[in-house]
C-alpha cells in the first residue's frame, strides 16, 4: 500500500479532490484534514451531501422519464 499527501489552499478544493479520488476504483481510503475554523460552511454542506448519498434517494425509480412525466401531469 502507498500513501500520497496533497496540500491545497482552500478547504472546498480539498473536499472536491477527495470526492474525485473516492470515485477511482483502486483508491482504498480518502481522509481530509482541514483547518476547522476555515471550513465550517463547507463541512456542513459536505456532511449534508454525505447524508443524502447514504439514503439512496430515488433508488426505487425504474423509468426516470415516466417518473418525470407523472410529476408534470397536472391534470391527473
N, C-alpha and C. Protein backbone atom coordinates (compact mmCIF):
# COMPACT_ATOMS: atom_id res chain seq x y z
N UNK A 1 0.85 -1.17 0.00
CA UNK A 1 0.00 0.00 0.00
C UNK A 1 0.89 1.23 0.00
N UNK A 2 0.47 2.26 -0.72
CA UNK A 2 1.19 3.53 -0.78
C UNK A 2 0.28 4.65 -0.33
N UNK A 3 0.87 5.71 0.19
CA UNK A 3 0.12 6.87 0.67
C UNK A 3 0.62 8.11 -0.04
N UNK A 4 -0.31 8.95 -0.46
CA UNK A 4 0.01 10.23 -1.09
C UNK A 4 -0.57 11.34 -0.22
N UNK A 5 0.22 12.35 0.06
CA UNK A 5 -0.26 13.52 0.80
C UNK A 5 -0.28 14.71 -0.15
N UNK A 6 -1.40 15.43 -0.16
CA UNK A 6 -1.59 16.58 -1.04
C UNK A 6 -2.00 17.77 -0.18
N UNK A 7 -1.43 18.93 -0.46
CA UNK A 7 -1.79 20.15 0.25
C UNK A 7 -2.47 21.11 -0.72
N UNK A 8 -3.65 21.58 -0.36
CA UNK A 8 -4.37 22.57 -1.17
C UNK A 8 -4.66 23.78 -0.30
N UNK A 9 -4.92 24.91 -0.95
CA UNK A 9 -5.07 26.17 -0.22
C UNK A 9 -6.44 26.31 0.43
N UNK A 10 -7.50 25.87 -0.25
CA UNK A 10 -8.85 26.08 0.26
C UNK A 10 -9.50 24.74 0.62
N UNK A 11 -10.31 24.79 1.67
CA UNK A 11 -10.96 23.57 2.16
C UNK A 11 -11.92 23.00 1.13
N UNK A 12 -12.63 23.86 0.41
CA UNK A 12 -13.59 23.33 -0.57
C UNK A 12 -12.86 22.60 -1.69
N UNK A 13 -11.64 23.02 -2.01
CA UNK A 13 -10.85 22.30 -3.01
C UNK A 13 -10.44 20.92 -2.47
N UNK A 14 -10.13 20.86 -1.19
CA UNK A 14 -9.77 19.58 -0.57
C UNK A 14 -10.93 18.60 -0.64
N UNK A 15 -12.13 19.08 -0.34
CA UNK A 15 -13.30 18.20 -0.38
C UNK A 15 -13.62 17.78 -1.82
N UNK A 16 -13.46 18.70 -2.77
CA UNK A 16 -13.70 18.36 -4.17
C UNK A 16 -12.70 17.30 -4.64
N UNK A 17 -11.44 17.47 -4.30
CA UNK A 17 -10.42 16.50 -4.66
C UNK A 17 -10.70 15.14 -4.02
N UNK A 18 -11.15 15.17 -2.77
CA UNK A 18 -11.48 13.92 -2.07
C UNK A 18 -12.60 13.18 -2.78
N UNK A 19 -13.62 13.91 -3.25
CA UNK A 19 -14.73 13.27 -3.97
C UNK A 19 -14.24 12.64 -5.27
N UNK A 20 -13.37 13.31 -5.98
CA UNK A 20 -12.82 12.73 -7.21
C UNK A 20 -12.05 11.46 -6.89
N UNK A 21 -11.23 11.52 -5.86
CA UNK A 21 -10.41 10.36 -5.52
C UNK A 21 -11.26 9.17 -5.08
N UNK A 22 -12.36 9.42 -4.38
CA UNK A 22 -13.23 8.33 -3.93
C UNK A 22 -13.83 7.56 -5.09
N UNK A 23 -13.95 8.21 -6.24
CA UNK A 23 -14.55 7.57 -7.41
C UNK A 23 -13.57 6.77 -8.25
N UNK A 24 -12.31 6.75 -7.86
CA UNK A 24 -11.32 5.94 -8.55
C UNK A 24 -11.33 4.55 -7.92
N UNK A 25 -11.48 3.52 -8.74
CA UNK A 25 -11.73 2.18 -8.20
C UNK A 25 -10.59 1.62 -7.37
N UNK A 26 -9.34 2.01 -7.61
CA UNK A 26 -8.23 1.44 -6.85
C UNK A 26 -7.86 2.25 -5.62
N UNK A 27 -8.55 3.36 -5.37
CA UNK A 27 -8.32 4.15 -4.16
C UNK A 27 -9.07 3.49 -3.01
N UNK A 28 -8.34 3.14 -1.96
CA UNK A 28 -8.95 2.41 -0.84
C UNK A 28 -9.55 3.33 0.21
N UNK A 29 -8.90 4.46 0.49
CA UNK A 29 -9.38 5.34 1.55
C UNK A 29 -8.96 6.77 1.25
N UNK A 30 -9.83 7.72 1.57
CA UNK A 30 -9.53 9.14 1.41
C UNK A 30 -9.84 9.83 2.73
N UNK A 31 -8.84 10.52 3.27
CA UNK A 31 -9.00 11.25 4.52
C UNK A 31 -8.65 12.71 4.28
N UNK A 32 -9.51 13.61 4.75
CA UNK A 32 -9.28 15.04 4.57
C UNK A 32 -9.05 15.65 5.95
N UNK A 33 -7.91 16.29 6.13
CA UNK A 33 -7.60 17.04 7.35
C UNK A 33 -7.53 18.51 6.98
N UNK A 34 -8.45 19.31 7.56
CA UNK A 34 -8.50 20.73 7.22
C UNK A 34 -8.51 21.57 8.49
N UNK A 35 -8.21 22.85 8.31
CA UNK A 35 -8.28 23.81 9.40
C UNK A 35 -9.75 24.02 9.74
N UNK A 36 -10.18 23.59 10.90
CA UNK A 36 -11.60 23.59 11.27
C UNK A 36 -12.22 24.99 11.27
N UNK A 37 -11.48 26.00 11.66
CA UNK A 37 -12.04 27.35 11.72
C UNK A 37 -12.30 27.92 10.33
N UNK A 38 -11.65 27.39 9.31
CA UNK A 38 -11.77 27.95 7.97
C UNK A 38 -12.86 27.29 7.14
N UNK A 39 -13.46 26.20 7.61
CA UNK A 39 -14.36 25.47 6.71
C UNK A 39 -15.67 25.04 7.36
N UNK A 40 -16.23 25.82 8.22
CA UNK A 40 -17.47 25.40 8.87
C UNK A 40 -18.62 25.24 7.88
N UNK A 41 -18.78 26.17 6.92
CA UNK A 41 -19.86 26.06 5.94
C UNK A 41 -19.61 24.91 4.99
N UNK A 42 -18.40 24.77 4.52
CA UNK A 42 -18.07 23.69 3.59
C UNK A 42 -18.29 22.35 4.27
N UNK A 43 -17.90 22.25 5.51
CA UNK A 43 -18.06 21.00 6.25
C UNK A 43 -19.54 20.65 6.42
N UNK A 44 -20.37 21.66 6.71
CA UNK A 44 -21.80 21.42 6.88
C UNK A 44 -22.44 20.95 5.58
N UNK A 45 -22.08 21.58 4.48
CA UNK A 45 -22.62 21.18 3.18
C UNK A 45 -22.14 19.78 2.83
N UNK A 46 -20.87 19.50 3.06
CA UNK A 46 -20.31 18.18 2.77
C UNK A 46 -21.03 17.10 3.58
N UNK A 47 -21.28 17.37 4.85
CA UNK A 47 -21.98 16.40 5.69
C UNK A 47 -23.41 16.17 5.19
N UNK A 48 -24.08 17.25 4.77
CA UNK A 48 -25.43 17.11 4.24
C UNK A 48 -25.44 16.27 2.97
N UNK A 49 -24.46 16.48 2.10
CA UNK A 49 -24.37 15.70 0.88
C UNK A 49 -24.09 14.23 1.17
N UNK A 50 -23.22 13.95 2.14
CA UNK A 50 -22.94 12.57 2.53
C UNK A 50 -24.19 11.90 3.08
N UNK A 51 -24.98 12.64 3.88
CA UNK A 51 -26.22 12.09 4.43
C UNK A 51 -27.21 11.76 3.32
N UNK A 52 -27.32 12.64 2.34
CA UNK A 52 -28.23 12.41 1.22
C UNK A 52 -27.77 11.20 0.42
N UNK A 53 -26.46 11.11 0.16
CA UNK A 53 -25.93 10.00 -0.63
C UNK A 53 -26.17 8.67 0.08
N UNK A 54 -26.06 8.65 1.39
CA UNK A 54 -26.22 7.39 2.13
C UNK A 54 -27.66 6.90 2.14
N UNK A 55 -28.63 7.79 1.91
CA UNK A 55 -30.04 7.39 1.93
C UNK A 55 -30.50 6.81 0.60
N UNK A 56 -29.70 6.93 -0.44
CA UNK A 56 -30.01 6.40 -1.77
C UNK A 56 -31.39 6.85 -2.22
N UNK A 57 -31.60 8.16 -2.22
CA UNK A 57 -32.87 8.73 -2.65
C UNK A 57 -33.14 8.38 -4.11
N UNK A 58 -34.38 8.20 -4.45
CA UNK A 58 -34.84 7.90 -5.79
C UNK A 58 -34.34 6.56 -6.32
N UNK A 59 -33.87 5.68 -5.48
CA UNK A 59 -33.38 4.38 -5.94
C UNK A 59 -34.53 3.47 -6.40
N UNK A 60 -35.76 3.80 -6.04
CA UNK A 60 -36.90 2.99 -6.44
C UNK A 60 -37.45 3.36 -7.82
N UNK A 61 -36.91 4.41 -8.45
CA UNK A 61 -37.38 4.84 -9.76
C UNK A 61 -36.73 3.96 -10.82
N UNK A 62 -37.57 3.25 -11.57
CA UNK A 62 -37.08 2.36 -12.61
C UNK A 62 -36.96 3.10 -13.93
N UNK A 63 -37.99 3.89 -14.27
CA UNK A 63 -38.00 4.64 -15.54
C UNK A 63 -38.06 6.14 -15.22
N UNK A 64 -36.92 6.84 -15.27
CA UNK A 64 -36.90 8.26 -14.92
C UNK A 64 -37.79 9.13 -15.81
N UNK A 65 -37.91 8.78 -17.08
CA UNK A 65 -38.75 9.57 -18.00
C UNK A 65 -40.22 9.47 -17.59
N UNK A 66 -40.68 8.26 -17.32
CA UNK A 66 -42.07 8.08 -16.88
C UNK A 66 -42.32 8.76 -15.54
N UNK A 67 -41.34 8.72 -14.66
CA UNK A 67 -41.46 9.38 -13.36
C UNK A 67 -41.63 10.88 -13.55
N UNK A 68 -40.83 11.49 -14.42
CA UNK A 68 -40.93 12.93 -14.66
C UNK A 68 -42.25 13.29 -15.34
N UNK A 69 -42.69 12.47 -16.28
CA UNK A 69 -43.98 12.72 -16.93
C UNK A 69 -45.11 12.70 -15.91
N UNK A 70 -45.06 11.74 -15.00
CA UNK A 70 -46.10 11.64 -13.97
C UNK A 70 -46.08 12.87 -13.06
N UNK A 71 -44.89 13.40 -12.74
CA UNK A 71 -44.81 14.59 -11.91
C UNK A 71 -45.34 15.82 -12.62
N UNK A 72 -45.14 15.89 -13.93
CA UNK A 72 -45.55 17.07 -14.71
C UNK A 72 -47.01 17.03 -15.11
N UNK A 73 -47.64 15.89 -15.03
CA UNK A 73 -49.03 15.78 -15.45
C UNK A 73 -49.93 16.41 -14.39
N UNK A 74 -50.26 17.66 -14.59
CA UNK A 74 -51.04 18.38 -13.58
C UNK A 74 -52.52 18.06 -13.61
N UNK A 75 -53.01 17.33 -14.61
CA UNK A 75 -54.43 17.03 -14.73
C UNK A 75 -54.80 15.65 -14.22
N UNK A 76 -53.84 14.92 -13.66
CA UNK A 76 -54.19 13.57 -13.20
C UNK A 76 -54.67 13.57 -11.79
